Protein backbone atom coordinates (compact mmCIF):
# COMPACT_ATOMS: atom_id res chain seq x y z
CA MET A 1 0.00 0.00 0.00
CA ILE A 2 2.86 2.40 0.81
CA GLY A 3 4.39 1.85 -2.64
CA PHE A 4 1.01 2.42 -4.34
CA ALA A 5 0.41 5.57 -2.32
CA LYS A 6 3.87 6.90 -3.27
CA VAL A 7 3.23 6.30 -6.98
CA LEU A 8 -0.22 7.89 -6.71
CA CYS A 9 1.24 10.92 -4.93
CA GLU A 10 3.94 11.35 -7.57
CA SER A 11 1.37 11.04 -10.36
CA VAL A 12 -0.80 13.73 -8.75
CA ILE A 13 2.23 16.06 -8.50
CA VAL A 14 3.05 15.57 -12.18
CA LEU A 15 -0.58 16.23 -13.16
CA VAL A 16 -0.66 19.41 -11.07
CA VAL A 17 2.59 20.61 -12.65
CA LEU A 18 1.35 19.90 -16.17
CA SER A 19 -1.99 21.59 -15.42
CA PHE A 20 -0.14 24.69 -14.17
CA LEU A 21 2.02 24.76 -17.27
CA VAL A 22 -0.95 24.53 -19.59
CA ASP A 23 -2.94 27.18 -17.68
CA THR A 24 -0.06 29.66 -17.71
CA GLY A 25 1.00 29.00 -21.30
CA ILE A 26 4.48 27.92 -20.18
CA ALA A 27 3.96 24.52 -21.82
CA ASP A 28 4.28 26.23 -25.19
CA GLN A 29 7.70 27.61 -24.28
CA PRO A 30 10.83 25.46 -24.55
CA ILE A 31 13.14 24.75 -21.66
CA ARG A 32 16.24 26.73 -22.56
CA ILE A 33 19.57 25.09 -21.74
CA GLY A 34 22.76 26.99 -22.54
CA GLY A 35 26.45 26.32 -22.48
CA SER A 36 29.86 27.25 -23.85
CA PHE A 37 31.79 24.71 -25.86
CA SER A 38 35.34 24.69 -27.18
CA LEU A 39 34.48 24.59 -30.87
CA THR A 40 37.73 26.29 -31.85
CA GLY A 41 41.15 26.62 -30.21
CA PRO A 42 43.36 23.96 -28.59
CA TYR A 43 40.42 22.01 -27.12
CA ALA A 44 38.37 21.98 -30.34
CA LEU A 45 38.72 18.23 -30.94
CA PHE A 46 37.22 17.59 -27.52
CA GLY A 47 34.69 20.41 -27.44
CA GLN A 48 33.16 19.46 -30.78
CA THR A 49 32.70 15.81 -29.88
CA GLN A 50 31.32 16.85 -26.49
CA LEU A 51 28.72 19.12 -28.08
CA ARG A 52 27.48 16.31 -30.33
CA GLY A 53 26.65 14.23 -27.26
CA TYR A 54 24.54 17.03 -25.81
CA GLU A 55 22.87 17.64 -29.18
CA LEU A 56 21.92 13.99 -29.57
CA CYS A 57 20.52 13.80 -26.04
CA VAL A 58 18.39 16.91 -26.60
CA LYS A 59 17.19 15.69 -30.01
CA GLN A 60 16.08 12.32 -28.70
CA THR A 61 14.45 13.86 -25.64
CA ASN A 62 12.44 16.21 -27.84
CA GLU A 63 11.40 13.34 -30.09
CA SER A 64 10.11 11.57 -26.97
CA GLY A 65 7.98 14.54 -25.90
CA GLY A 66 10.47 16.64 -23.97
CA VAL A 67 10.56 17.15 -20.21
CA LEU A 68 7.69 18.40 -18.02
CA GLY A 69 5.62 18.55 -21.18
CA ARG A 70 8.03 21.03 -22.82
CA LYS A 71 10.57 20.72 -25.61
CA ILE A 72 14.20 21.69 -25.05
CA GLU A 73 16.10 24.46 -26.81
CA LEU A 74 19.90 24.16 -26.75
CA ILE A 75 21.79 27.47 -26.82
CA VAL A 76 25.40 27.05 -27.94
CA GLU A 77 28.31 29.51 -27.88
CA ASP A 78 32.00 28.97 -28.69
CA ASP A 79 34.40 29.76 -25.84
CA ARG A 80 37.41 29.28 -28.18
CA SER A 81 39.06 27.09 -25.51
CA GLN A 82 39.51 30.17 -23.31
CA ALA A 83 38.32 30.32 -19.70
CA PRO A 84 37.69 34.13 -19.64
CA THR A 85 35.54 33.81 -22.77
CA ALA A 86 33.57 30.99 -21.17
CA VAL A 87 32.98 33.07 -18.04
CA ASN A 88 31.54 35.90 -20.13
CA ILE A 89 29.33 33.46 -22.01
CA TYR A 90 27.84 31.97 -18.85
CA LYS A 91 27.36 35.45 -17.38
CA ARG A 92 25.39 36.40 -20.46
CA LEU A 93 23.42 33.15 -20.48
CA LEU A 94 22.45 33.43 -16.83
CA SER A 95 21.92 37.18 -16.38
CA GLN A 96 20.72 38.37 -19.78
CA ARG A 97 19.34 35.40 -21.66
CA LYS A 98 18.09 33.87 -18.40
CA VAL A 99 18.41 30.24 -19.44
CA ASP A 100 16.53 27.65 -17.40
CA ALA A 101 19.56 25.37 -17.00
CA VAL A 102 23.15 24.92 -18.18
CA PHE A 103 25.40 22.22 -19.60
CA GLY A 104 29.04 22.09 -18.56
CA PRO A 105 31.96 23.04 -20.85
CA TYR A 106 35.05 21.02 -21.75
CA SER A 107 38.10 20.87 -19.47
CA SER A 108 38.66 21.19 -15.77
CA THR A 109 40.36 24.54 -16.31
CA ILE A 110 37.27 26.16 -17.82
CA THR A 111 34.84 24.37 -15.49
CA GLU A 112 36.77 25.64 -12.47
CA GLU A 113 36.43 29.23 -13.72
CA ILE A 114 32.66 29.11 -14.29
CA ALA A 115 31.68 26.98 -11.28
CA ASP A 116 31.46 29.93 -8.89
CA LEU A 117 29.19 31.70 -11.37
CA THR A 118 26.71 28.83 -11.70
CA GLU A 119 26.93 28.50 -7.91
CA LYS A 120 25.87 32.14 -7.53
CA TYR A 121 22.82 31.58 -9.73
CA GLN A 122 22.09 28.20 -8.09
CA LYS A 123 22.07 26.38 -11.41
CA PRO A 124 23.20 22.74 -11.20
CA LEU A 125 26.31 22.30 -13.32
CA ILE A 126 26.76 18.77 -14.64
CA ALA A 127 30.52 18.76 -15.26
CA ALA A 128 30.58 16.20 -18.06
CA GLY A 129 33.89 17.49 -19.41
CA ALA A 130 35.89 17.89 -16.19
CA ALA A 131 37.56 15.39 -13.88
CA SER A 132 39.75 17.39 -11.50
CA SER A 133 38.70 16.45 -7.98
CA SER A 134 39.71 19.88 -6.65
CA ILE A 135 36.62 21.36 -8.32
CA PHE A 136 34.47 19.40 -5.88
CA LYS A 137 36.48 20.17 -2.74
CA LYS A 138 35.71 23.87 -2.34
CA GLY A 139 32.32 23.73 -0.65
CA ARG A 140 30.30 24.22 -3.81
CA LYS A 141 26.79 22.81 -3.77
CA PHE A 142 25.74 22.98 -7.42
CA VAL A 143 28.52 21.23 -9.38
CA PHE A 144 28.38 17.49 -10.08
CA GLY A 145 30.88 15.14 -11.70
CA VAL A 146 30.16 12.55 -14.37
CA MET A 147 33.68 11.20 -14.89
CA SER A 148 35.90 9.32 -12.51
CA PRO A 149 38.00 11.98 -10.75
CA THR A 150 41.66 12.74 -11.39
CA ASP A 151 42.77 10.97 -8.20
CA VAL A 152 42.18 7.57 -9.81
CA TYR A 153 43.01 8.28 -13.47
CA PHE A 154 46.27 6.30 -13.42
CA GLU A 155 44.98 3.52 -11.18
CA GLY A 156 44.72 0.93 -13.93
CA PHE A 157 48.03 1.81 -15.56
CA ILE A 158 49.98 1.63 -12.31
CA ASP A 159 48.21 -1.57 -11.30
CA LEU A 160 49.23 -3.17 -14.60
CA ALA A 161 52.84 -2.07 -14.06
CA ALA A 162 52.99 -3.39 -10.50
CA LYS A 163 51.55 -6.76 -11.49
CA ARG A 164 54.33 -7.10 -14.06
CA GLY A 165 56.99 -6.55 -11.46
CA LEU A 166 58.02 -3.04 -12.52
CA LYS A 167 59.64 -0.91 -9.83
CA THR A 168 60.25 2.65 -11.06
CA ILE A 169 58.16 5.34 -12.71
CA ALA A 170 58.70 8.80 -14.24
CA LEU A 171 55.90 11.39 -14.21
CA ILE A 172 55.48 14.48 -16.39
CA ASN A 173 52.56 16.85 -16.72
CA GLN A 174 51.49 20.12 -18.25
CA ASP A 175 51.18 23.06 -15.85
CA ALA A 176 47.38 23.10 -15.76
CA ILE A 177 44.71 22.08 -13.26
CA PHE A 178 43.73 18.71 -14.74
CA PRO A 179 47.21 17.35 -15.57
CA ARG A 180 48.61 18.57 -12.26
CA ALA A 181 45.84 16.91 -10.24
CA THR A 182 46.14 13.70 -12.26
CA ILE A 183 49.87 13.38 -11.60
CA LYS A 184 49.36 14.15 -7.92
CA GLY A 185 46.95 11.21 -7.83
CA ALA A 186 49.46 9.07 -9.73
CA GLN A 187 52.14 9.79 -7.14
CA GLU A 188 49.90 8.45 -4.38
CA LEU A 189 48.85 5.43 -6.44
CA ALA A 190 52.51 4.63 -7.21
CA ARG A 191 53.38 4.82 -3.52
CA LYS A 192 50.61 2.35 -2.66
CA LYS A 193 51.89 -0.08 -5.31
CA ASN A 194 55.54 0.31 -4.23
CA LEU A 195 56.66 1.99 -7.45
CA GLN A 196 59.45 4.47 -6.85
CA VAL A 197 59.08 7.87 -8.56
CA VAL A 198 62.55 8.43 -10.04
CA TYR A 199 61.67 11.56 -12.02
CA PHE A 200 58.88 14.13 -11.80
CA ASP A 201 58.59 17.41 -13.70
CA GLU A 202 56.02 19.90 -14.94
CA TYR A 203 56.28 21.72 -18.26
CA PRO A 204 54.67 25.03 -19.30
CA GLU A 205 51.78 25.20 -21.72
CA GLY A 206 52.68 25.93 -25.33
CA ILE A 207 56.15 24.41 -25.62
CA LYS A 208 56.98 22.27 -28.67
CA ASP A 209 60.38 20.84 -27.79
CA PHE A 210 60.30 18.30 -24.96
CA SER A 211 63.84 17.03 -25.45
CA ASP A 212 65.20 18.52 -22.21
CA PHE A 213 62.50 16.79 -20.19
CA LEU A 214 62.85 13.52 -22.07
CA GLU A 215 66.64 13.47 -21.71
CA LYS A 216 66.07 13.66 -17.96
CA VAL A 217 63.68 10.72 -18.31
CA ARG A 218 66.46 8.84 -20.10
CA THR A 219 68.88 9.59 -17.27
CA ALA A 220 66.36 8.40 -14.65
CA ASN A 221 65.84 5.21 -16.72
CA PRO A 222 62.34 4.40 -15.39
CA ASP A 223 60.47 1.18 -16.07
CA VAL A 224 57.32 3.24 -16.64
CA LEU A 225 56.59 6.68 -18.09
CA ALA A 226 53.25 8.36 -17.29
CA ALA A 227 52.27 11.65 -18.95
CA ALA A 228 49.32 13.83 -17.96
CA THR A 229 48.87 16.13 -20.91
CA TYR A 230 46.72 17.11 -23.91
CA PHE A 231 46.60 16.00 -27.54
CA ASP A 232 49.13 18.26 -29.28
CA ASP A 233 51.71 17.84 -26.50
CA LEU A 234 51.13 14.11 -26.46
CA ILE A 235 51.81 13.84 -30.20
CA ALA A 236 55.06 15.80 -29.79
CA ILE A 237 56.19 13.77 -26.76
CA SER A 238 55.47 10.46 -28.51
CA ARG A 239 57.40 11.47 -31.63
CA GLN A 240 60.34 12.77 -29.63
CA LEU A 241 60.52 9.60 -27.54
CA LYS A 242 61.06 7.75 -30.81
CA ASP A 243 63.51 10.30 -32.21
CA LEU A 244 65.57 10.16 -29.01
CA ASP A 245 65.26 6.37 -28.79
CA ILE A 246 63.85 6.45 -25.26
CA ASN A 247 61.83 3.34 -24.61
CA PRO A 248 60.39 2.53 -21.16
CA LYS A 249 58.76 -0.86 -20.68
CA MET A 250 55.37 0.90 -20.40
CA TYR A 251 54.34 4.34 -21.67
CA GLY A 252 50.87 5.70 -20.94
CA ALA A 253 49.07 9.02 -21.03
CA THR A 254 45.76 10.67 -20.28
CA VAL A 255 43.92 12.97 -22.70
CA GLY A 256 44.32 12.35 -26.42
CA VAL A 257 45.43 8.72 -26.63
CA HIS A 258 41.79 7.66 -26.90
CA LEU A 259 41.12 9.72 -30.03
CA PRO A 260 41.22 7.88 -33.38
CA LYS A 261 43.26 10.82 -34.62
CA PHE A 262 46.07 9.79 -32.26
CA TYR A 263 46.70 6.71 -34.38
CA GLU A 264 45.95 8.51 -37.63
CA VAL A 265 48.68 11.04 -36.91
CA LEU A 266 51.30 8.72 -35.41
CA GLY A 267 50.69 5.45 -37.20
CA PRO A 268 53.01 2.68 -35.91
CA THR A 269 54.50 5.08 -33.34
CA ALA A 270 51.18 4.79 -31.50
CA GLU A 271 51.52 1.02 -31.15
CA PHE A 272 51.94 -0.29 -27.58
CA VAL A 273 50.95 3.08 -26.05
CA TYR A 274 48.52 2.82 -23.12
CA GLY A 275 45.68 5.29 -22.67
CA ALA A 276 43.11 6.20 -20.05
CA THR A 277 39.47 6.23 -20.97
CA GLN A 278 36.13 6.47 -19.23
CA TRP A 279 34.08 4.78 -21.95
CA GLU A 280 34.87 2.94 -25.17
CA LEU A 281 33.18 1.47 -28.23
CA GLU A 282 35.07 -1.68 -27.30
CA LEU A 283 32.42 -2.13 -24.59
CA ILE A 284 29.86 -2.84 -27.30
CA ARG A 285 32.12 -5.48 -28.87
CA LEU A 286 32.74 -7.04 -25.47
CA ARG A 287 28.99 -7.22 -24.96
CA ALA A 288 28.61 -9.00 -28.29
CA GLY A 289 31.26 -11.49 -27.18
CA GLY A 290 29.46 -12.19 -23.93
CA PHE A 291 32.02 -10.54 -21.66
CA ILE A 292 29.79 -7.97 -19.98
CA PRO A 293 26.03 -7.49 -19.50
CA ILE A 294 25.97 -4.05 -21.11
CA ALA A 295 22.20 -3.75 -20.82
CA ARG A 296 22.63 -3.65 -17.06
CA GLU A 297 25.87 -1.69 -16.70
CA TYR A 298 25.50 0.69 -19.66
CA PRO A 299 21.78 0.69 -20.53
CA GLY A 300 21.04 2.14 -23.95
CA ALA A 301 24.71 2.24 -25.01
CA GLU A 302 24.19 0.16 -28.15
CA GLU A 303 21.23 2.31 -29.20
CA PHE A 304 23.25 5.44 -28.45
CA VAL A 305 26.04 4.31 -30.77
CA GLU A 306 23.60 3.52 -33.57
CA ALA A 307 21.86 6.89 -33.15
CA TYR A 308 25.22 8.67 -33.24
CA LYS A 309 26.21 6.97 -36.47
CA LYS A 310 22.89 7.93 -38.00
CA ASN A 311 22.95 11.58 -36.91
CA PHE A 312 26.69 12.28 -37.32
CA PRO A 313 27.85 9.82 -39.99
CA GLU A 314 30.94 11.77 -41.04
CA THR A 315 32.36 12.33 -37.56
CA GLN A 316 34.28 10.39 -34.96
CA PHE A 317 33.48 10.42 -31.30
CA SER A 318 35.27 9.65 -28.08
CA HIS A 319 34.24 8.90 -24.52
CA LEU A 320 33.50 12.65 -24.19
CA THR A 321 30.54 12.19 -26.54
CA ALA A 322 29.14 9.52 -24.26
CA ALA A 323 29.97 11.60 -21.17
CA SER A 324 28.08 14.66 -22.39
CA TYR A 325 25.14 12.52 -23.51
CA ALA A 326 25.10 11.04 -20.00
CA GLY A 327 25.37 14.55 -18.54
CA GLY A 328 22.25 15.43 -20.46
CA GLN A 329 20.52 12.29 -19.20
CA ILE A 330 21.38 13.19 -15.62
CA LEU A 331 20.22 16.80 -15.77
CA LEU A 332 16.98 16.05 -17.63
CA GLU A 333 16.14 13.12 -15.36
CA ALA A 334 16.75 15.32 -12.33
CA ILE A 335 14.42 18.00 -13.70
CA LYS A 336 11.82 15.31 -14.33
CA GLN A 337 12.16 13.86 -10.83
CA ALA A 338 12.06 17.32 -9.25
CA GLY A 339 9.02 18.24 -11.32
CA SER A 340 10.56 21.69 -11.51
CA LEU A 341 13.33 23.84 -12.96
CA ASP A 342 14.12 25.30 -9.56
CA GLY A 343 17.85 24.84 -9.03
CA LYS A 344 17.60 23.77 -5.40
CA LYS A 345 15.00 21.11 -6.16
CA VAL A 346 17.00 19.81 -9.13
CA ARG A 347 20.11 19.69 -6.93
CA GLU A 348 18.35 17.56 -4.34
CA ALA A 349 17.15 15.19 -7.05
CA ILE A 350 20.71 14.77 -8.36
CA LEU A 351 22.05 14.02 -4.88
CA LYS A 352 19.53 11.20 -4.51
CA MET A 353 20.36 9.59 -7.86
CA ASP A 354 21.90 6.13 -8.04
CA PHE A 355 21.50 4.80 -11.55
CA ASN A 356 23.28 3.78 -14.73
CA THR A 357 23.51 5.99 -17.79
CA ILE A 358 24.83 4.95 -21.21
CA TYR A 359 28.20 6.03 -19.74
CA GLY A 360 27.94 3.73 -16.76
CA ALA A 361 27.17 4.19 -13.08
CA PHE A 362 26.32 7.62 -11.66
CA ARG A 363 26.31 8.48 -7.98
CA VAL A 364 27.84 11.50 -6.26
CA ASN A 365 28.71 12.34 -2.68
CA ARG A 366 27.47 15.49 -0.92
CA ASN A 367 30.28 17.47 -2.56
CA GLY A 368 29.16 16.41 -6.03
CA LEU A 369 32.17 14.14 -6.65
CA GLN A 370 31.42 11.11 -8.81
CA VAL A 371 31.95 7.96 -6.74
CA ALA A 372 30.42 5.17 -8.81
CA HIS A 373 31.99 5.34 -12.27
CA LYS A 374 34.90 3.05 -13.23
CA MET A 375 37.90 4.07 -15.35
CA MET A 376 39.39 1.81 -18.03
CA TRP A 377 42.82 1.51 -19.63
CA PHE A 378 43.47 0.34 -23.18
CA GLN A 379 46.49 -0.29 -25.36
CA TRP A 380 46.88 0.41 -29.07
CA GLN A 381 47.36 -2.98 -30.72
CA ASP A 382 47.48 -3.36 -34.51
CA GLY A 383 45.76 -0.03 -34.95
CA LYS A 384 42.93 -0.81 -32.54
CA LYS A 385 42.19 0.19 -28.96
CA VAL A 386 42.08 -2.93 -26.80
CA ILE A 387 40.84 -2.68 -23.21
CA VAL A 388 43.46 -4.18 -20.88
CA TRP A 389 42.15 -3.02 -17.46
CA PRO A 390 40.09 -3.74 -15.38
CA GLU A 391 40.54 -7.47 -15.78
CA GLU A 392 36.81 -8.25 -15.78
CA LEU A 393 36.48 -6.30 -19.04
CA THR A 394 39.56 -7.67 -20.80
CA ALA A 395 39.31 -9.98 -23.76
CA ASN A 396 43.00 -9.43 -24.60
CA LYS A 397 46.20 -9.08 -22.58
CA PRO A 398 48.60 -6.13 -22.76
CA ARG A 399 51.53 -6.56 -25.12
CA PHE A 400 54.39 -6.35 -22.69
CA PRO A 401 57.11 -5.23 -22.52
CA THR A 402 57.19 -2.57 -25.20
CA PRO A 403 59.78 -3.64 -27.81
CA ALA A 404 62.66 -1.40 -28.89
CA TRP A 405 61.81 1.19 -31.51
CA ASP A 406 63.80 -0.60 -34.23
CA GLN A 407 61.87 -3.81 -33.55
CA ARG A 408 58.38 -2.46 -34.05
């Protein structure tokens, strides 16, 4: 009886809300959701694929009747990969255009800069493009993570190294919020696995020549090299490792390795490189092979992939596409559960959520930090990304150790 009464109560609330909307004419007006996206600039590869995930989520939601009886209008502006530009965009969206809700931008750097602004306006910010745990440790109440946080990014890579008896590791990162936080987490993970950090350094944004840093890596002679960086830097570092004939037993990195363009640009140089990812198409193939029950862990993922191919046939997507789609799922479901666009009510709905999106598990703590999602690590093998960690998702083993450059 209690369950029936709860359902009846919720149904009455929804009917009252819909009746109010119809009576006031609001039902004819779309729910306006705005955001800044890095469509140009250094983050363009990531911002563009992120936007497509939001666009697909909005499109499918509208085709299903919208939310609270209203369609959704997505308002998009280009922040040019610049945090100050993004801040101005969100100021305009919130104060002048008075959007009903917001989607998060790409990168921890930009998300950090706008989070205080969305906090001021009490608009829940689903940070589908940011992983730095520091964002969620400053007492904010309206920012929520979708990705696994930076603290655990290198967990799989370091676990693989330790299980293969490796003892030393070198760490390099770009001087920016996400890479810095990721390497800090890697230092702690290495300590727990008894890997000695024999070299650690941070390089400034914008440099092209990494030879000084890599020569120091050579001198340290680590078993493992871990780089927390972005795409352009990663391409340069990978090429210069080959040019300088520096070859650790394992080499892995964060942002950029997962992009198909990484292999397109580097070709065989990309072979054996390990990469961090939060979601992969390989999950669908594993499901087909009977390795994981994707309908339970990643409900709707197969349909999402098919819809993406249909709507964006000439484009490639990464885990960021799935992350932003999931970010849309989370925000729209929270609005639905709250029966309102009021930021405080939507926030409370998000805090109560414990469910699986197409991106995997979603649950946050009171600070908004994602605590349920699981990272993965893959290795480029014969031009394909092959998941090698966690073990329960692996159909193939890592190719170890990495052979000398002249033997590849």
